[in-house]
Amino acid sequence: MPPNAPANVRSTEVDANGRRVAVNVAAEAETVARMAVLRAEGRTLREIADTLAAEGRATKRGGKWAPETIRKILARAAVA
């Protein structure tokens, strides 16, 4: 994972008491880092979506990458 990859990419799981617990998800952090690299190279959001799909990187729910989703993820990563 690149050194500037966001460390705060998380997924929620439930503990034995039914409480949500945040955990790091390395694959998601790597995908967000890849998005940032592609954007820094000047790629459009559509090109990033196509690249992620070509690389076999799945969305959290297994769907198709959408440019608007990538924009929102990159905006959140920039704040973190």
PDB file of N, CA and C in Angstrom:
ATOM      1  N   MET A   1       0.839  -1.167   0.000  1.00  0.00           N
ATOM      2  CA  MET A   1       0.000   0.000   0.000  1.00  0.00           C
ATOM      3  C   MET A   1       0.890   1.240   0.000  1.00  0.00           C
ATOM      4  N   PRO A   2       0.579   2.255  -0.827  1.00  0.00           N
ATOM      5  CA  PRO A   2       1.392   3.459  -0.852  1.00  0.00           C
ATOM      6  C   PRO A   2       1.423   4.138   0.507  1.00  0.00           C
ATOM      7  N   PRO A   3       2.514   4.847   0.832  1.00  0.00           N
ATOM      8  CA  PRO A   3       2.625   5.473   2.150  1.00  0.00           C
ATOM      9  C   PRO A   3       1.558   6.531   2.408  1.00  0.00           C
ATOM     10  N   ASN A   4       0.994   7.133   1.365  1.00  0.00           N
ATOM     11  CA  ASN A   4      -0.012   8.173   1.566  1.00  0.00           C
ATOM     12  C   ASN A   4      -1.437   7.617   1.509  1.00  0.00           C
ATOM     13  N   ALA A   5      -1.578   6.302   1.570  1.00  0.00           N
ATOM     14  CA  ALA A   5      -2.912   5.686   1.514  1.00  0.00           C
ATOM     15  C   ALA A   5      -3.693   6.037   2.770  1.00  0.00           C
ATOM     16  N   PRO A   6      -4.978   6.338   2.606  1.00  0.00           N
ATOM     17  CA  PRO A   6      -5.774   6.680   3.779  1.00  0.00           C
ATOM     18  C   PRO A   6      -5.872   5.497   4.735  1.00  0.00           C
ATOM     19  N   ALA A   7      -5.590   5.739   5.993  1.00  0.00           N
ATOM     20  CA  ALA A   7      -5.622   4.668   6.980  1.00  0.00           C
ATOM     21  C   ALA A   7      -6.999   4.534   7.611  1.00  0.00           C
ATOM     22  N   ASN A   8      -7.902   5.430   7.272  1.00  0.00           N
ATOM     23  CA  ASN A   8      -9.183   5.450   7.957  1.00  0.00           C
ATOM     24  C   ASN A   8     -10.307   4.809   7.156  1.00  0.00           C
ATOM     25  N   VAL A   9      -9.995   4.062   6.120  1.00  0.00           N
ATOM     26  CA  VAL A   9     -11.043   3.360   5.388  1.00  0.00           C
ATOM     27  C   VAL A   9     -11.514   2.231   6.287  1.00  0.00           C
ATOM     28  N   ARG A  10     -12.784   2.218   6.563  1.00  0.00           N
ATOM     29  CA  ARG A  10     -13.295   1.270   7.541  1.00  0.00           C
ATOM     30  C   ARG A  10     -14.583   0.614   7.069  1.00  0.00           C
ATOM     31  N   SER A  11     -14.860  -0.485   7.670  1.00  0.00           N
ATOM     32  CA  SER A  11     -16.112  -1.184   7.466  1.00  0.00           C
ATOM     33  C   SER A  11     -16.683  -1.444   8.851  1.00  0.00           C
ATOM     34  N   THR A  12     -17.962  -1.555   8.956  1.00  0.00           N
ATOM     35  CA  THR A  12     -18.531  -1.810  10.274  1.00  0.00           C
ATOM     36  C   THR A  12     -18.907  -3.273  10.415  1.00  0.00           C
ATOM     37  N   GLU A  13     -18.592  -3.806  11.550  1.00  0.00           N
ATOM     38  CA  GLU A  13     -18.969  -5.154  11.921  1.00  0.00           C
ATOM     39  C   GLU A  13     -19.696  -5.071  13.247  1.00  0.00           C
ATOM     40  N   VAL A  14     -20.336  -6.135  13.622  1.00  0.00           N
ATOM     41  CA  VAL A  14     -21.082  -6.164  14.877  1.00  0.00           C
ATOM     42  C   VAL A  14     -20.374  -7.102  15.835  1.00  0.00           C
ATOM     43  N   ASP A  15     -20.194  -6.660  17.099  1.00  0.00           N
ATOM     44  CA  ASP A  15     -19.549  -7.516  18.088  1.00  0.00           C
ATOM     45  C   ASP A  15     -20.576  -8.448  18.720  1.00  0.00           C
ATOM     46  N   ALA A  16     -20.145  -9.226  19.687  1.00  0.00           N
ATOM     47  CA  ALA A  16     -21.013 -10.214  20.333  1.00  0.00           C
ATOM     48  C   ALA A  16     -22.205  -9.573  21.034  1.00  0.00           C
ATOM     49  N   ASN A  17     -22.086  -8.306  21.402  1.00  0.00           N
ATOM     50  CA  ASN A  17     -23.177  -7.602  22.081  1.00  0.00           C
ATOM     51  C   ASN A  17     -24.077  -6.839  21.119  1.00  0.00           C
ATOM     52  N   GLY A  18     -23.831  -6.991  19.816  1.00  0.00           N
ATOM     53  CA  GLY A  18     -24.661  -6.310  18.820  1.00  0.00           C
ATOM     54  C   GLY A  18     -24.252  -4.878  18.547  1.00  0.00           C
ATOM     55  N   ARG A  19     -23.126  -4.443  19.106  1.00  0.00           N
ATOM     56  CA  ARG A  19     -22.644  -3.079  18.870  1.00  0.00           C
ATOM     57  C   ARG A  19     -21.784  -3.048  17.616  1.00  0.00           C
ATOM     58  N   ARG A  20     -21.922  -1.956  16.848  1.00  0.00           N
ATOM     59  CA  ARG A  20     -21.096  -1.818  15.650  1.00  0.00           C
ATOM     60  C   ARG A  20     -19.667  -1.476  16.043  1.00  0.00           C
ATOM     61  N   VAL A  21     -18.726  -2.115  15.366  1.00  0.00           N
ATOM     62  CA  VAL A  21     -17.307  -1.904  15.620  1.00  0.00           C
ATOM     63  C   VAL A  21     -16.644  -1.570  14.295  1.00  0.00           C
ATOM     64  N   ALA A  22     -15.863  -0.502  14.264  1.00  0.00           N
ATOM     65  CA  ALA A  22     -15.161  -0.118  13.038  1.00  0.00           C
ATOM     66  C   ALA A  22     -13.858  -0.899  12.938  1.00  0.00           C
ATOM     67  N   VAL A  23     -13.587  -1.405  11.739  1.00  0.00           N
ATOM     68  CA  VAL A  23     -12.347  -2.140  11.487  1.00  0.00           C
ATOM     69  C   VAL A  23     -11.738  -1.637  10.181  1.00  0.00           C
ATOM     70  N   ASN A  24     -10.424  -1.668  10.108  1.00  0.00           N
ATOM     71  CA  ASN A  24      -9.745  -1.283   8.876  1.00  0.00           C
ATOM     72  C   ASN A  24      -9.921  -2.377   7.834  1.00  0.00           C
ATOM     73  N   VAL A  25     -10.092  -1.963   6.592  1.00  0.00           N
ATOM     74  CA  VAL A  25     -10.214  -2.909   5.491  1.00  0.00           C
ATOM     75  C   VAL A  25      -9.119  -2.552   4.483  1.00  0.00           C
ATOM     76  N   ALA A  26      -8.064  -3.352   4.482  1.00  0.00           N
ATOM     77  CA  ALA A  26      -6.886  -3.054   3.669  1.00  0.00           C
ATOM     78  C   ALA A  26      -7.209  -2.954   2.178  1.00  0.00           C
ATOM     79  N   ALA A  27      -8.049  -3.858   1.665  1.00  0.00           N
ATOM     80  CA  ALA A  27      -8.361  -3.840   0.234  1.00  0.00           C
ATOM     81  C   ALA A  27      -9.060  -2.535  -0.157  1.00  0.00           C
ATOM     82  N   GLU A  28      -9.933  -2.037   0.714  1.00  0.00           N
ATOM     83  CA  GLU A  28     -10.612  -0.776   0.422  1.00  0.00           C
ATOM     84  C   GLU A  28      -9.631   0.386   0.453  1.00  0.00           C
ATOM     85  N   ALA A  29      -8.728   0.371   1.418  1.00  0.00           N
ATOM     86  CA  ALA A  29      -7.724   1.435   1.511  1.00  0.00           C
ATOM     87  C   ALA A  29      -6.831   1.440   0.270  1.00  0.00           C
ATOM     88  N   GLU A  30      -6.480   0.256  -0.217  1.00  0.00           N
ATOM     89  CA  GLU A  30      -5.656   0.161  -1.423  1.00  0.00           C
ATOM     90  C   GLU A  30      -6.399   0.697  -2.642  1.00  0.00           C
ATOM     91  N   THR A  31      -7.693   0.429  -2.725  1.00  0.00           N
ATOM     92  CA  THR A  31      -8.484   0.925  -3.854  1.00  0.00           C
ATOM     93  C   THR A  31      -8.595   2.441  -3.808  1.00  0.00           C
ATOM     94  N   VAL A  32      -8.802   3.002  -2.621  1.00  0.00           N
ATOM     95  CA  VAL A  32      -8.882   4.458  -2.490  1.00  0.00           C
ATOM     96  C   VAL A  32      -7.536   5.084  -2.857  1.00  0.00           C
ATOM     97  N   ALA A  33      -6.452   4.457  -2.424  1.00  0.00           N
ATOM     98  CA  ALA A  33      -5.127   4.960  -2.776  1.00  0.00           C
ATOM     99  C   ALA A  33      -4.913   4.912  -4.287  1.00  0.00           C
ATOM    100  N   ARG A  34      -5.375   3.843  -4.905  1.00  0.00           N
ATOM    101  CA  ARG A  34      -5.249   3.707  -6.376  1.00  0.00           C
ATOM    102  C   ARG A  34      -6.038   4.808  -7.075  1.00  0.00           C
ATOM    103  N   MET A  35      -7.250   5.095  -6.569  1.00  0.00           N
ATOM    104  CA  MET A  35      -8.053   6.177  -7.130  1.00  0.00           C
ATOM    105  C   MET A  35      -7.288   7.499  -7.066  1.00  0.00           C
ATOM    106  N   ALA A  36      -6.669   7.762  -5.923  1.00  0.00           N
ATOM    107  CA  ALA A  36      -5.937   9.013  -5.734  1.00  0.00           C
ATOM    108  C   ALA A  36      -4.759   9.117  -6.704  1.00  0.00           C
ATOM    109  N   VAL A  37      -4.054   8.012  -6.905  1.00  0.00           N
ATOM    110  CA  VAL A  37      -2.926   7.994  -7.841  1.00  0.00           C
ATOM    111  C   VAL A  37      -3.416   8.288  -9.261  1.00  0.00           C
ATOM    112  N   LEU A  38      -4.480   7.617  -9.668  1.00  0.00           N
ATOM    113  CA  LEU A  38      -5.013   7.821 -11.018  1.00  0.00           C
ATOM    114  C   LEU A  38      -5.483   9.258 -11.208  1.00  0.00           C
ATOM    115  N   ARG A  39      -6.115   9.826 -10.195  1.00  0.00           N
ATOM    116  CA  ARG A  39      -6.591  11.210 -10.298  1.00  0.00           C
ATOM    117  C   ARG A  39      -5.406  12.167 -10.394  1.00  0.00           C
ATOM    118  N   ALA A  40      -4.353  11.898  -9.618  1.00  0.00           N
ATOM    119  CA  ALA A  40      -3.157  12.737  -9.659  1.00  0.00           C
ATOM    120  C   ALA A  40      -2.477  12.678 -11.027  1.00  0.00           C
ATOM    121  N   GLU A  41      -2.657  11.571 -11.731  1.00  0.00           N
ATOM    122  CA  GLU A  41      -2.119  11.429 -13.089  1.00  0.00           C
ATOM    123  C   GLU A  41      -2.970  12.185 -14.106  1.00  0.00           C
ATOM    124  N   GLY A  42      -4.095  12.755 -13.657  1.00  0.00           N
ATOM    125  CA  GLY A  42      -4.946  13.530 -14.551  1.00  0.00           C
ATOM    126  C   GLY A  42      -6.073  12.745 -15.195  1.00  0.00           C
ATOM    127  N   ARG A  43      -6.326  11.540 -14.704  1.00  0.00           N
ATOM    128  CA  ARG A  43      -7.405  10.730 -15.270  1.00  0.00           C
ATOM    129  C   ARG A  43      -8.768  11.295 -14.892  1.00  0.00           C
ATOM    130  N   THR A  44      -9.726  11.144 -15.785  1.00  0.00           N
ATOM    131  CA  THR A  44     -11.088  11.575 -15.490  1.00  0.00           C
ATOM    132  C   THR A  44     -11.728  10.545 -14.559  1.00  0.00           C
ATOM    133  N   LEU A  45     -12.840  10.926 -13.950  1.00  0.00           N
ATOM    134  CA  LEU A  45     -13.539  10.002 -13.065  1.00  0.00           C
ATOM    135  C   LEU A  45     -14.012   8.771 -13.835  1.00  0.00           C
ATOM    136  N   ARG A  46     -14.456   8.960 -15.063  1.00  0.00           N
ATOM    137  CA  ARG A  46     -14.890   7.833 -15.905  1.00  0.00           C
ATOM    138  C   ARG A  46     -13.708   6.909 -16.188  1.00  0.00           C
ATOM    139  N   GLU A  47     -12.545   7.482 -16.506  1.00  0.00           N
ATOM    140  CA  GLU A  47     -11.355   6.667 -16.772  1.00  0.00           C
ATOM    141  C   GLU A  47     -10.944   5.885 -15.523  1.00  0.00           C
ATOM    142  N   ILE A  48     -11.075   6.514 -14.360  1.00  0.00           N
ATOM    143  CA  ILE A  48     -10.750   5.821 -13.113  1.00  0.00           C
ATOM    144  C   ILE A  48     -11.697   4.649 -12.914  1.00  0.00           C
ATOM    145  N   ALA A  49     -12.991   4.870 -13.141  1.00  0.00           N
ATOM    146  CA  ALA A  49     -13.978   3.795 -13.000  1.00  0.00           C
ATOM    147  C   ALA A  49     -13.642   2.632 -13.933  1.00  0.00           C
ATOM    148  N   ASP A  50     -13.316   2.950 -15.169  1.00  0.00           N
ATOM    149  CA  ASP A  50     -12.976   1.912 -16.142  1.00  0.00           C
ATOM    150  C   ASP A  50     -11.704   1.163 -15.744  1.00  0.00           C
ATOM    151  N   THR A  51     -10.718   1.887 -15.230  1.00  0.00           N
ATOM    152  CA  THR A  51      -9.463   1.267 -14.805  1.00  0.00           C
ATOM    153  C   THR A  51      -9.688   0.332 -13.627  1.00  0.00           C
ATOM    154  N   LEU A  52     -10.457   0.784 -12.642  1.00  0.00           N
ATOM    155  CA  LEU A  52     -10.732  -0.062 -11.476  1.00  0.00           C
ATOM    156  C   LEU A  52     -11.447  -1.345 -11.901  1.00  0.00           C
ATOM    157  N   ALA A  53     -12.394  -1.213 -12.813  1.00  0.00           N
ATOM    158  CA  ALA A  53     -13.111  -2.387 -13.307  1.00  0.00           C
ATOM    159  C   ALA A  53     -12.165  -3.322 -14.053  1.00  0.00           C
ATOM    160  N   ALA A  54     -11.284  -2.758 -14.885  1.00  0.00           N
ATOM    161  CA  ALA A  54     -10.339  -3.567 -15.652  1.00  0.00           C
ATOM    162  C   ALA A  54      -9.350  -4.291 -14.734  1.00  0.00           C
ATOM    163  N   GLU A  55      -9.035  -3.671 -13.606  1.00  0.00           N
ATOM    164  CA  GLU A  55      -8.115  -4.282 -12.639  1.00  0.00           C
ATOM    165  C   GLU A  55      -8.819  -5.294 -11.733  1.00  0.00           C
ATOM    166  N   GLY A  56     -10.138  -5.401 -11.873  1.00  0.00           N
ATOM    167  CA  GLY A  56     -10.888  -6.356 -11.072  1.00  0.00           C
ATOM    168  C   GLY A  56     -11.166  -5.909  -9.652  1.00  0.00           C
ATOM    169  N   ARG A  57     -11.072  -4.612  -9.416  1.00  0.00           N
ATOM    170  CA  ARG A  57     -11.349  -4.083  -8.074  1.00  0.00           C
ATOM    171  C   ARG A  57     -12.855  -3.913  -7.917  1.00  0.00           C
ATOM    172  N   ALA A  58     -13.418  -4.619  -6.973  1.00  0.00           N
ATOM    173  CA  ALA A  58     -14.860  -4.594  -6.775  1.00  0.00           C
ATOM    174  C   ALA A  58     -15.295  -3.432  -5.890  1.00  0.00           C
ATOM    175  N   THR A  59     -16.520  -2.985  -6.105  1.00  0.00           N
ATOM    176  CA  THR A  59     -17.106  -2.016  -5.182  1.00  0.00           C
ATOM    177  C   THR A  59     -17.467  -2.770  -3.913  1.00  0.00           C
ATOM    178  N   LYS A  60     -17.785  -2.033  -2.864  1.00  0.00           N
ATOM    179  CA  LYS A  60     -18.121  -2.661  -1.591  1.00  0.00           C
ATOM    180  C   LYS A  60     -19.273  -3.650  -1.739  1.00  0.00           C
ATOM    181  N   ARG A  61     -20.233  -3.309  -2.588  1.00  0.00           N
ATOM    182  CA  ARG A  61     -21.401  -4.176  -2.773  1.00  0.00           C
ATOM    183  C   ARG A  61     -21.309  -5.036  -4.035  1.00  0.00           C
ATOM    184  N   GLY A  62     -20.158  -5.025  -4.686  1.00  0.00           N
ATOM    185  CA  GLY A  62     -19.960  -5.865  -5.856  1.00  0.00           C
ATOM    186  C   GLY A  62     -20.534  -5.298  -7.149  1.00  0.00           C
ATOM    187  N   GLY A  63     -20.900  -4.032  -7.125  1.00  0.00           N
ATOM    188  CA  GLY A  63     -21.491  -3.411  -8.305  1.00  0.00           C
ATOM    189  C   GLY A  63     -20.469  -2.795  -9.232  1.00  0.00           C
ATOM    190  N   LYS A  64     -20.954  -1.973 -10.129  1.00  0.00           N
ATOM    191  CA  LYS A  64     -20.131  -1.296 -11.126  1.00  0.00           C
ATOM    192  C   LYS A  64     -19.692   0.063 -10.583  1.00  0.00           C
ATOM    193  N   TRP A  65     -18.432   0.435 -10.821  1.00  0.00           N
ATOM    194  CA  TRP A  65     -17.934   1.732 -10.372  1.00  0.00           C
ATOM    195  C   TRP A  65     -18.607   2.852 -11.154  1.00  0.00           C
ATOM    196  N   ALA A  66     -19.056   3.869 -10.440  1.00  0.00           N
ATOM    197  CA  ALA A  66     -19.669   5.040 -11.052  1.00  0.00           C
ATOM    198  C   ALA A  66     -18.789   6.250 -10.779  1.00  0.00           C
ATOM    199  N   PRO A  67     -18.643   7.146 -11.761  1.00  0.00           N
ATOM    200  CA  PRO A  67     -17.816   8.334 -11.557  1.00  0.00           C
ATOM    201  C   PRO A  67     -18.215   9.151 -10.323  1.00  0.00           C
ATOM    202  N   GLU A  68     -19.500   9.287 -10.077  1.00  0.00           N
ATOM    203  CA  GLU A  68     -19.951  10.069  -8.920  1.00  0.00           C
ATOM    204  C   GLU A  68     -19.528   9.412  -7.611  1.00  0.00           C
ATOM    205  N   THR A  69     -19.542   8.110  -7.568  1.00  0.00           N
ATOM    206  CA  THR A  69     -19.093   7.388  -6.375  1.00  0.00           C
ATOM    207  C   THR A  69     -17.610   7.652  -6.134  1.00  0.00           C
ATOM    208  N   ILE A  70     -16.831   7.624  -7.186  1.00  0.00           N
ATOM    209  CA  ILE A  70     -15.393   7.876  -7.074  1.00  0.00           C
ATOM    210  C   ILE A  70     -15.139   9.302  -6.610  1.00  0.00           C
ATOM    211  N   ARG A  71     -15.902  10.259  -7.137  1.00  0.00           N
ATOM    212  CA  ARG A  71     -15.762  11.655  -6.717  1.00  0.00           C
ATOM    213  C   ARG A  71     -16.003  11.782  -5.224  1.00  0.00           C
ATOM    214  N   LYS A  72     -17.056  11.154  -4.723  1.00  0.00           N
ATOM    215  CA  LYS A  72     -17.394  11.237  -3.296  1.00  0.00           C
ATOM    216  C   LYS A  72     -16.316  10.578  -2.430  1.00  0.00           C
ATOM    217  N   ILE A  73     -15.813   9.436  -2.866  1.00  0.00           N
ATOM    218  CA  ILE A  73     -14.772   8.742  -2.104  1.00  0.00           C
ATOM    219  C   ILE A  73     -13.509   9.592  -2.038  1.00  0.00           C
ATOM    220  N   LEU A  74     -13.112  10.176  -3.170  1.00  0.00           N
ATOM    221  CA  LEU A  74     -11.907  11.008  -3.186  1.00  0.00           C
ATOM    222  C   LEU A  74     -12.099  12.260  -2.336  1.00  0.00           C
ATOM    223  N   ALA A  75     -13.300  12.810  -2.323  1.00  0.00           N
ATOM    224  CA  ALA A  75     -13.567  13.998  -1.490  1.00  0.00           C
ATOM    225  C   ALA A  75     -13.457  13.646  -0.012  1.00  0.00           C
ATOM    226  N   ARG A  76     -13.982  12.489   0.389  1.00  0.00           N
ATOM    227  CA  ARG A  76     -13.872  12.057   1.794  1.00  0.00           C
ATOM    228  C   ARG A  76     -12.426  11.782   2.155  1.00  0.00           C
ATOM    229  N   ALA A  77     -11.680  11.164   1.252  1.00  0.00           N
ATOM    230  CA  ALA A  77     -10.278  10.831   1.527  1.00  0.00           C
ATOM    231  C   ALA A  77      -9.445  12.095   1.688  1.00  0.00           C
ATOM    232  N   ALA A  78      -9.802  13.142   0.959  1.00  0.00           N
ATOM    233  CA  ALA A  78      -9.050  14.401   1.046  1.00  0.00           C
ATOM    234  C   ALA A  78      -9.259  15.081   2.398  1.00  0.00           C
ATOM    235  N   VAL A  79     -10.391  14.868   2.999  1.00  0.00           N
ATOM    236  CA  VAL A  79     -10.708  15.475   4.301  1.00  0.00           C
ATOM    237  C   VAL A  79     -10.046  14.706   5.420  1.00  0.00           C
ATOM    238  N   ALA A  80      -9.899  13.406   5.245  1.00  0.00           N
ATOM    239  CA  ALA A  80      -9.363  12.536   6.310  1.00  0.00           C
ATOM    240  C   ALA A  80      -7.913  12.808   6.601  1.00  0.00           C
TER     241      ALA A  80
END
